[in-house]
C-alpha atoms as a PDB file:
ATOM      1  CA  UNK A   1      12.642 -10.245-105.981  1.00  0.00           C
ATOM      2  CA  UNK A   2      16.228 -11.105-106.942  1.00  0.00           C
ATOM      3  CA  UNK A   3      18.490 -12.678-104.377  1.00  0.00           C
ATOM      4  CA  UNK A   4      21.070  -9.917-103.820  1.00  0.00           C
ATOM      5  CA  UNK A   5      24.077 -10.907-101.684  1.00  0.00           C
ATOM      6  CA  UNK A   6      24.250  -9.122 -98.340  1.00  0.00           C
ATOM      7  CA  UNK A   7      27.762  -7.685 -98.971  1.00  0.00           C
ATOM      8  CA  UNK A   8      26.436  -5.991-102.123  1.00  0.00           C
ATOM      9  CA  UNK A   9      23.581  -4.462-100.157  1.00  0.00           C
ATOM     10  CA  UNK A  10      26.017  -3.340 -97.427  1.00  0.00           C
ATOM     11  CA  UNK A  11      28.299  -1.747-100.021  1.00  0.00           C
ATOM     12  CA  UNK A  12      25.469   0.056-101.808  1.00  0.00           C
ATOM     13  CA  UNK A  13      24.007   1.344 -98.549  1.00  0.00           C
ATOM     14  CA  UNK A  14      27.430   2.444 -97.322  1.00  0.00           C
ATOM     15  CA  UNK A  15      28.215   4.260-100.561  1.00  0.00           C
ATOM     16  CA  UNK A  16      24.872   6.079-100.488  1.00  0.00           C
ATOM     17  CA  UNK A  17      25.195   7.051 -96.835  1.00  0.00           C
ATOM     18  CA  UNK A  18      28.799   8.185 -97.346  1.00  0.00           C
ATOM     19  CA  UNK A  19      27.870  10.307-100.344  1.00  0.00           C
ATOM     20  CA  UNK A  20      25.151  12.037 -98.322  1.00  0.00           C
ATOM     21  CA  UNK A  21      27.132  12.503 -95.089  1.00  0.00           C
ATOM     22  CA  UNK A  22      30.458  13.640 -96.567  1.00  0.00           C
ATOM     23  CA  UNK A  23      29.362  17.216 -97.377  1.00  0.00           C
ATOM     24  CA  UNK A  24      27.896  17.494 -93.875  1.00  0.00           C
ATOM     25  CA  UNK A  25      30.832  15.987 -91.979  1.00  0.00           C
ATOM     26  CA  UNK A  26      33.739  17.379 -94.037  1.00  0.00           C
ATOM     27  CA  UNK A  27      33.711  20.917 -92.554  1.00  0.00           C
ATOM     28  CA  UNK A  28      33.795  19.477 -89.039  1.00  0.00           C
ATOM     29  CA  UNK A  29      36.636  17.105 -89.908  1.00  0.00           C
ATOM     30  CA  UNK A  30      38.824  19.780 -91.497  1.00  0.00           C
ATOM     31  CA  UNK A  31      37.927  22.013 -88.546  1.00  0.00           C
ATOM     32  CA  UNK A  32      39.584  19.464 -86.270  1.00  0.00           C
ATOM     33  CA  UNK A  33      42.808  20.006 -88.211  1.00  0.00           C
ATOM     34  CA  UNK A  34      42.484  23.771 -87.768  1.00  0.00           C
ATOM     35  CA  UNK A  35      40.867  24.942 -90.997  1.00  0.00           C
ATOM     36  CA  UNK A  36      38.441  27.536 -89.632  1.00  0.00           C
ATOM     37  CA  UNK A  37      35.858  29.867 -91.121  1.00  0.00           C
ATOM     38  CA  UNK A  38      38.320  32.785 -90.987  1.00  0.00           C
ATOM     39  CA  UNK A  39      41.389  30.818 -92.109  1.00  0.00           C
ATOM     40  CA  UNK A  40      43.855  28.514 -90.373  1.00  0.00           C
ATOM     41  CA  UNK A  41      43.527  28.669 -86.591  1.00  0.00           C
ATOM     42  CA  UNK A  42      46.748  29.634 -84.787  1.00  0.00           C
ATOM     43  CA  UNK A  43      48.621  26.761 -83.170  1.00  0.00           C
ATOM     44  CA  UNK A  44      46.956  23.996 -85.204  1.00  0.00           C
ATOM     45  CA  UNK A  45      48.171  21.571 -87.847  1.00  0.00           C
ATOM     46  CA  UNK A  46      46.679  23.795 -90.556  1.00  0.00           C
ATOM     47  CA  UNK A  47      48.649  26.807 -89.311  1.00  0.00           C
ATOM     48  CA  UNK A  48      51.853  24.761 -89.156  1.00  0.00           C
ATOM     49  CA  UNK A  49      51.269  23.470 -92.684  1.00  0.00           C
ATOM     50  CA  UNK A  50      50.659  26.963 -94.011  1.00  0.00           C
ATOM     51  CA  UNK A  51      53.798  28.217 -92.299  1.00  0.00           C
ATOM     52  CA  UNK A  52      55.754  25.466 -94.051  1.00  0.00           C
ATOM     53  CA  UNK A  53      54.112  26.037 -97.427  1.00  0.00           C
ATOM     54  CA  UNK A  54      54.379  29.820 -97.515  1.00  0.00           C
ATOM     55  CA  UNK A  55      52.225  31.195-100.314  1.00  0.00           C
ATOM     56  CA  UNK A  56      49.348  28.805-100.912  1.00  0.00           C
ATOM     57  CA  UNK A  57      48.640  28.078-104.576  1.00  0.00           C
ATOM     58  CA  UNK A  58      45.007  28.286-105.679  1.00  0.00           C
ATOM     59  CA  UNK A  59      43.565  24.835-106.297  1.00  0.00           C
ATOM     60  CA  UNK A  60      46.157  23.068-104.136  1.00  0.00           C
ATOM     61  CA  UNK A  61      45.125  20.486-101.551  1.00  0.00           C
ATOM     62  CA  UNK A  62      45.648  23.055 -98.786  1.00  0.00           C
ATOM     63  CA  UNK A  63      43.453  25.580-100.602  1.00  0.00           C
ATOM     64  CA  UNK A  64      40.695  23.003-101.103  1.00  0.00           C
ATOM     65  CA  UNK A  65      40.765  22.014 -97.415  1.00  0.00           C
ATOM     66  CA  UNK A  66      40.645  25.672 -96.404  1.00  0.00           C
ATOM     67  CA  UNK A  67      37.715  26.242 -98.743  1.00  0.00           C
ATOM     68  CA  UNK A  68      35.842  23.366 -97.122  1.00  0.00           C
ATOM     69  CA  UNK A  69      36.676  24.773 -93.679  1.00  0.00           C
ATOM     70  CA  UNK A  70      35.253  28.148 -94.729  1.00  0.00           C
ATOM     71  CA  UNK A  71      31.982  26.513 -95.780  1.00  0.00           C
ATOM     72  CA  UNK A  72      32.741  25.849 -99.418  1.00  0.00           C
ATOM     73  CA  UNK A  73      31.441  22.837-101.286  1.00  0.00           C
ATOM     74  CA  UNK A  74      33.209  19.489-101.046  1.00  0.00           C
ATOM     75  CA  UNK A  75      34.712  18.560-104.432  1.00  0.00           C
ATOM     76  CA  UNK A  76      33.335  15.513-106.213  1.00  0.00           C
ATOM     77  CA  UNK A  77      36.593  13.656-105.547  1.00  0.00           C
ATOM     78  CA  UNK A  78      36.217  14.300-101.812  1.00  0.00           C
ATOM     79  CA  UNK A  79      32.635  13.149-101.863  1.00  0.00           C
ATOM     80  CA  UNK A  80      33.614   9.991-103.749  1.00  0.00           C
ATOM     81  CA  UNK A  81      36.368   9.277-101.216  1.00  0.00           C
ATOM     82  CA  UNK A  82      33.939   9.725 -98.335  1.00  0.00           C
ATOM     83  CA  UNK A  83      31.459   7.391 -99.986  1.00  0.00           C
ATOM     84  CA  UNK A  84      34.179   4.799-100.609  1.00  0.00           C
ATOM     85  CA  UNK A  85      35.370   4.959 -96.999  1.00  0.00           C
ATOM     86  CA  UNK A  86      31.880   4.487 -95.574  1.00  0.00           C
ATOM     87  CA  UNK A  87      31.046   1.814 -98.164  1.00  0.00           C
ATOM     88  CA  UNK A  88      34.244  -0.113 -97.413  1.00  0.00           C
ATOM     89  CA  UNK A  89      33.613   0.174 -93.696  1.00  0.00           C
ATOM     90  CA  UNK A  90      30.097  -1.186 -94.153  1.00  0.00           C
ATOM     91  CA  UNK A  91      31.368  -4.192 -96.112  1.00  0.00           C
ATOM     92  CA  UNK A  92      34.146  -4.855 -93.586  1.00  0.00           C
ATOM     93  CA  UNK A  93      31.704  -4.518 -90.702  1.00  0.00           C
ATOM     94  CA  UNK A  94      29.329  -6.952 -92.366  1.00  0.00           C
ATOM     95  CA  UNK A  95      32.171  -9.434 -92.936  1.00  0.00           C
ATOM     96  CA  UNK A  96      33.293  -9.204 -89.312  1.00  0.00           C
ATOM     97  CA  UNK A  97      29.722  -9.634 -88.123  1.00  0.00           C
ATOM     98  CA  UNK A  98      29.418 -12.757 -90.278  1.00  0.00           C
ATOM     99  CA  UNK A  99      32.596 -14.202 -88.750  1.00  0.00           C
ATOM    100  CA  UNK A 100      31.508 -13.367 -85.207  1.00  0.00           C
ATOM    101  CA  UNK A 101      28.165 -15.093 -85.697  1.00  0.00           C
ATOM    102  CA  UNK A 102      29.953 -18.308 -86.714  1.00  0.00           C
ATOM    103  CA  UNK A 103      31.904 -18.474 -83.437  1.00  0.00           C
ATOM    104  CA  UNK A 104      29.917 -20.393 -80.813  1.00  0.00           C
ATOM    105  CA  UNK A 105      29.184 -18.403 -77.688  1.00  0.00           C
ATOM    106  CA  UNK A 106      29.888 -20.021 -74.348  1.00  0.00           C
ATOM    107  CA  UNK A 107      29.002 -18.429 -71.025  1.00  0.00           C
END
């Protein structure tokens, strides 16, 4: 078996996990901002943004977030961003863990 560096394994695992979890987590995340199943929820950041925008243009970032909030599919770009975030976090976590293990522990 080839000797694959641990950061490469961490990145690959993080990218795969992020790609799988993004479509599941995205509706909940945009829901926190106020993008609900029936439209922007009153008194939230989404409602304030829509009030500032006025008429929302189809295909705009706001429209895509609202679509996700209403149960629509996450665009490929969104899924790639989610995968990159989780992959980067996995690599950073692995790097920090490697540094922590090098520091001697003293009670």
